[in-house]
Amino acid sequence: MKKVFVGAACLCLLLVAANARASYFFDVTLPDFTSTYHDVGDFGSGEHYSEDVGKFDFFDELHGGTVVAAYLTGVWGNSFDATSAHHDLYVEDSFIGTTPSHGGGSDYTAGSDPYYYFFVPFSFVLTDLSGLQDGYALLSEDQWSEWNVNLSELTLHIEAVPVPAAVWLLGSGLLGLVGLRRKFTS
């Protein structure tokens, strides 16, 4: 019986060592997005427009693990006439940040596309990770002023911890406790 216990304990330790890694990282991207064009007359007092930007799908990359950290990066660009709306970004209905607005004029940086005049890289840390645990994340935006907004290079950077390593570690610990109990009772 002692040889069986020692063999099982060694097997569990080997499996834990093979599967245990502190965390792993991966990135998920979305295609470029241009919001619906809104004119000045579309906005009354306190009005805004909401649109879904896209849904990040990282179910296969997560492998049943747990998301422990995430942040969103991208490039915000403006629309016609070097004027753009600011807007709020949400991941799974959780507010993550506000992009700036740009009022046009001669201070813009010209892009390769004549309709994209101004580019601002952004990065927002996600503080509420509860909506990411299923392997999907809906990105949406609320627009608070006229014109339209453009988002590009949208990337969700994720750090996750695998569940199997924790399960093997728990299993080997329980097996060790059973072995200690048997040792002290005999």
Protein backbone atom coordinates (compact mmCIF):
# COMPACT_ATOMS: atom_id res chain seq x y z
CA MET A 1 0.00 0.00 0.00
CA LYS A 2 2.89 2.32 0.80
CA LYS A 3 4.36 1.82 -2.69
CA VAL A 4 1.02 2.69 -4.29
CA PHE A 5 0.81 5.89 -2.24
CA VAL A 6 4.37 6.92 -3.07
CA GLY A 7 3.82 6.15 -6.76
CA ALA A 8 0.58 8.15 -6.85
CA ALA A 9 2.21 11.07 -5.04
CA CYS A 10 5.12 11.10 -7.50
CA LEU A 11 2.72 10.97 -10.45
CA CYS A 12 0.72 13.91 -9.06
CA LEU A 13 3.88 15.94 -8.50
CA LEU A 14 5.04 15.25 -12.06
CA LEU A 15 1.67 16.31 -13.43
CA VAL A 16 1.68 19.47 -11.32
CA ALA A 17 5.19 20.34 -12.50
CA ALA A 18 4.25 19.70 -16.12
CA ASN A 19 1.05 21.76 -16.01
CA ALA A 20 1.92 24.47 -13.51
CA ARG A 21 2.74 27.85 -14.96
CA ALA A 22 2.11 31.06 -13.16
CA SER A 23 0.13 32.72 -15.95
CA TYR A 24 -0.02 33.10 -19.69
CA PHE A 25 -0.68 36.04 -21.99
CA PHE A 26 -2.52 36.43 -25.28
CA ASP A 27 -4.00 39.20 -27.45
CA VAL A 28 -7.32 39.35 -29.27
CA THR A 29 -8.10 41.95 -31.96
CA LEU A 30 -11.19 43.48 -33.55
CA PRO A 31 -11.58 44.98 -37.02
CA ASP A 32 -11.52 48.77 -37.44
CA PHE A 33 -14.74 50.54 -36.46
CA THR A 34 -16.45 53.73 -37.65
CA SER A 35 -19.48 54.92 -35.71
CA THR A 36 -22.68 56.14 -37.31
CA TYR A 37 -22.45 59.78 -38.45
CA HIS A 38 -24.46 62.16 -36.25
CA ASP A 39 -25.07 65.82 -37.03
CA VAL A 40 -25.33 68.63 -34.48
CA GLY A 41 -29.13 68.52 -34.65
CA ASP A 42 -29.19 64.87 -33.52
CA PHE A 43 -28.13 65.77 -29.99
CA GLY A 44 -30.45 67.34 -27.49
CA SER A 45 -29.62 68.12 -23.90
CA GLY A 46 -27.86 65.11 -22.41
CA GLU A 47 -28.54 62.85 -25.40
CA HIS A 48 -26.05 60.27 -26.57
CA TYR A 49 -25.91 57.33 -28.95
CA SER A 50 -24.69 53.83 -28.12
CA GLU A 51 -23.25 51.33 -30.59
CA ASP A 52 -21.61 47.93 -30.32
CA VAL A 53 -18.05 48.07 -31.67
CA GLY A 54 -17.51 44.31 -31.72
CA LYS A 55 -17.15 41.19 -29.63
CA PHE A 56 -13.75 39.83 -28.62
CA ASP A 57 -13.76 36.02 -28.78
CA PHE A 58 -10.99 34.37 -26.76
CA PHE A 59 -12.83 31.28 -25.55
CA ASP A 60 -10.35 28.91 -27.20
CA GLU A 61 -7.30 30.81 -25.88
CA LEU A 62 -8.64 30.84 -22.31
CA HIS A 63 -8.75 27.00 -22.09
CA GLY A 64 -10.98 27.13 -19.02
CA GLY A 65 -8.54 29.40 -17.19
CA THR A 66 -9.30 32.52 -15.21
CA VAL A 67 -8.63 36.06 -16.47
CA VAL A 68 -6.54 37.91 -13.87
CA ALA A 69 -5.66 41.10 -15.80
CA ALA A 70 -6.68 42.79 -19.04
CA TYR A 71 -6.22 46.07 -20.85
CA LEU A 72 -7.49 47.51 -24.13
CA THR A 73 -5.30 49.41 -26.59
CA GLY A 74 -6.13 51.03 -29.87
CA VAL A 75 -6.03 54.18 -31.94
CA TRP A 76 -8.78 56.75 -31.91
CA GLY A 77 -9.21 58.73 -35.11
CA ASN A 78 -11.52 61.52 -36.13
CA SER A 79 -13.96 61.99 -38.95
CA PHE A 80 -14.71 64.57 -41.61
CA ASP A 81 -13.34 68.10 -41.42
CA ALA A 82 -10.80 67.17 -38.75
CA THR A 83 -13.58 67.20 -36.16
CA SER A 84 -14.54 64.27 -34.00
CA ALA A 85 -16.73 63.29 -31.12
CA HIS A 86 -15.44 62.08 -27.81
CA HIS A 87 -16.97 58.87 -26.64
CA ASP A 88 -17.05 56.52 -23.68
CA LEU A 89 -15.87 52.94 -24.08
CA TYR A 90 -17.43 49.97 -22.28
CA VAL A 91 -16.44 46.31 -22.04
CA GLU A 92 -19.36 44.10 -21.03
CA ASP A 93 -21.27 47.23 -19.89
CA SER A 94 -18.43 48.24 -17.55
CA PHE A 95 -17.03 51.73 -18.21
CA ILE A 96 -13.31 51.67 -19.05
CA GLY A 97 -12.50 55.18 -20.33
CA THR A 98 -13.24 58.22 -22.49
CA THR A 99 -11.46 59.13 -25.70
CA PRO A 100 -10.81 62.82 -26.39
CA SER A 101 -12.72 65.04 -28.80
CA HIS A 102 -10.96 67.09 -31.46
CA GLY A 103 -12.27 70.40 -32.78
CA GLY A 104 -10.48 70.54 -36.10
CA GLY A 105 -8.27 73.34 -37.29
CA SER A 106 -4.71 73.22 -38.48
CA ASP A 107 -3.25 71.27 -35.53
CA TYR A 108 -4.17 67.83 -36.84
CA THR A 109 -1.80 65.12 -37.98
CA ALA A 110 -2.68 63.98 -41.47
CA GLY A 111 -3.18 60.26 -41.96
CA SER A 112 -3.01 58.17 -45.10
CA ASP A 113 -6.80 58.28 -45.52
CA PRO A 114 -8.15 61.79 -46.28
CA TYR A 115 -11.10 61.20 -43.90
CA TYR A 116 -8.94 60.34 -40.91
CA TYR A 117 -7.12 63.47 -39.82
CA PHE A 118 -6.16 62.94 -36.22
CA PHE A 119 -4.79 59.83 -34.48
CA VAL A 120 -4.51 59.31 -30.73
CA PRO A 121 -3.31 56.00 -29.27
CA PHE A 122 -5.12 54.96 -26.10
CA SER A 123 -4.80 52.31 -23.42
CA PHE A 124 -7.35 51.49 -20.73
CA VAL A 125 -6.96 49.00 -17.90
CA LEU A 126 -10.04 46.87 -17.23
CA THR A 127 -10.85 46.84 -13.52
CA ASP A 128 -14.00 44.68 -13.64
CA LEU A 129 -12.93 41.29 -15.01
CA SER A 130 -16.11 39.39 -14.11
CA GLY A 131 -17.57 39.78 -17.62
CA LEU A 132 -14.46 38.27 -19.25
CA GLN A 133 -14.46 34.88 -17.53
CA ASP A 134 -16.67 33.24 -20.18
CA GLY A 135 -14.13 33.91 -22.96
CA TYR A 136 -16.06 36.72 -24.68
CA ALA A 137 -16.05 40.51 -24.26
CA LEU A 138 -18.43 42.95 -25.95
CA LEU A 139 -16.89 46.36 -26.67
CA SER A 140 -19.40 49.19 -27.02
CA GLU A 141 -19.24 52.97 -27.17
CA ASP A 142 -21.43 55.93 -26.20
CA GLN A 143 -21.08 59.00 -28.40
CA TRP A 144 -21.83 62.34 -26.75
CA SER A 145 -21.37 64.85 -29.58
CA GLU A 146 -21.74 65.27 -33.33
CA TRP A 147 -19.70 63.74 -36.16
CA ASN A 148 -18.43 60.21 -35.90
CA VAL A 149 -15.53 58.37 -34.33
CA ASN A 150 -13.13 55.84 -35.76
CA LEU A 151 -11.33 53.15 -33.79
CA SER A 152 -8.51 51.03 -35.17
CA GLU A 153 -5.90 48.56 -33.96
CA LEU A 154 -8.30 47.47 -31.19
CA THR A 155 -6.48 44.86 -29.12
CA LEU A 156 -7.50 43.27 -25.85
CA HIS A 157 -4.42 42.09 -23.96
CA ILE A 158 -5.22 39.34 -21.46
CA GLU A 159 -3.33 37.59 -18.68
CA ALA A 160 -4.88 34.34 -17.47
CA VAL A 161 -4.11 31.58 -14.99
CA PRO A 162 -4.82 28.00 -16.03
CA VAL A 163 -7.29 26.04 -13.94
CA PRO A 164 -5.77 22.56 -14.48
CA ALA A 165 -2.61 23.42 -12.55
CA ALA A 166 -4.66 24.51 -9.55
CA VAL A 167 -6.75 21.34 -9.73
CA TRP A 168 -3.66 19.12 -9.84
CA LEU A 169 -2.13 21.02 -6.95
CA LEU A 170 -5.29 20.65 -4.88
CA GLY A 171 -5.51 16.95 -5.77
CA SER A 172 -1.93 16.26 -4.75
CA GLY A 173 -2.45 18.13 -1.48
CA LEU A 174 -5.55 16.10 -0.68
CA LEU A 175 -3.71 12.89 -1.53
CA GLY A 176 -0.92 13.93 0.84
CA LEU A 177 -3.42 14.59 3.64
CA VAL A 178 -4.97 11.14 3.12
CA GLY A 179 -1.51 9.59 3.30
CA LEU A 180 -0.66 11.45 6.50
CA ARG A 181 -3.95 10.37 8.08
CA ARG A 182 -3.26 6.75 7.24
CA LYS A 183 0.27 7.02 8.59
CA PHE A 184 -0.87 8.41 11.93
CA THR A 185 -3.83 6.01 12.34
CA SER A 186 -1.74 2.86 11.82
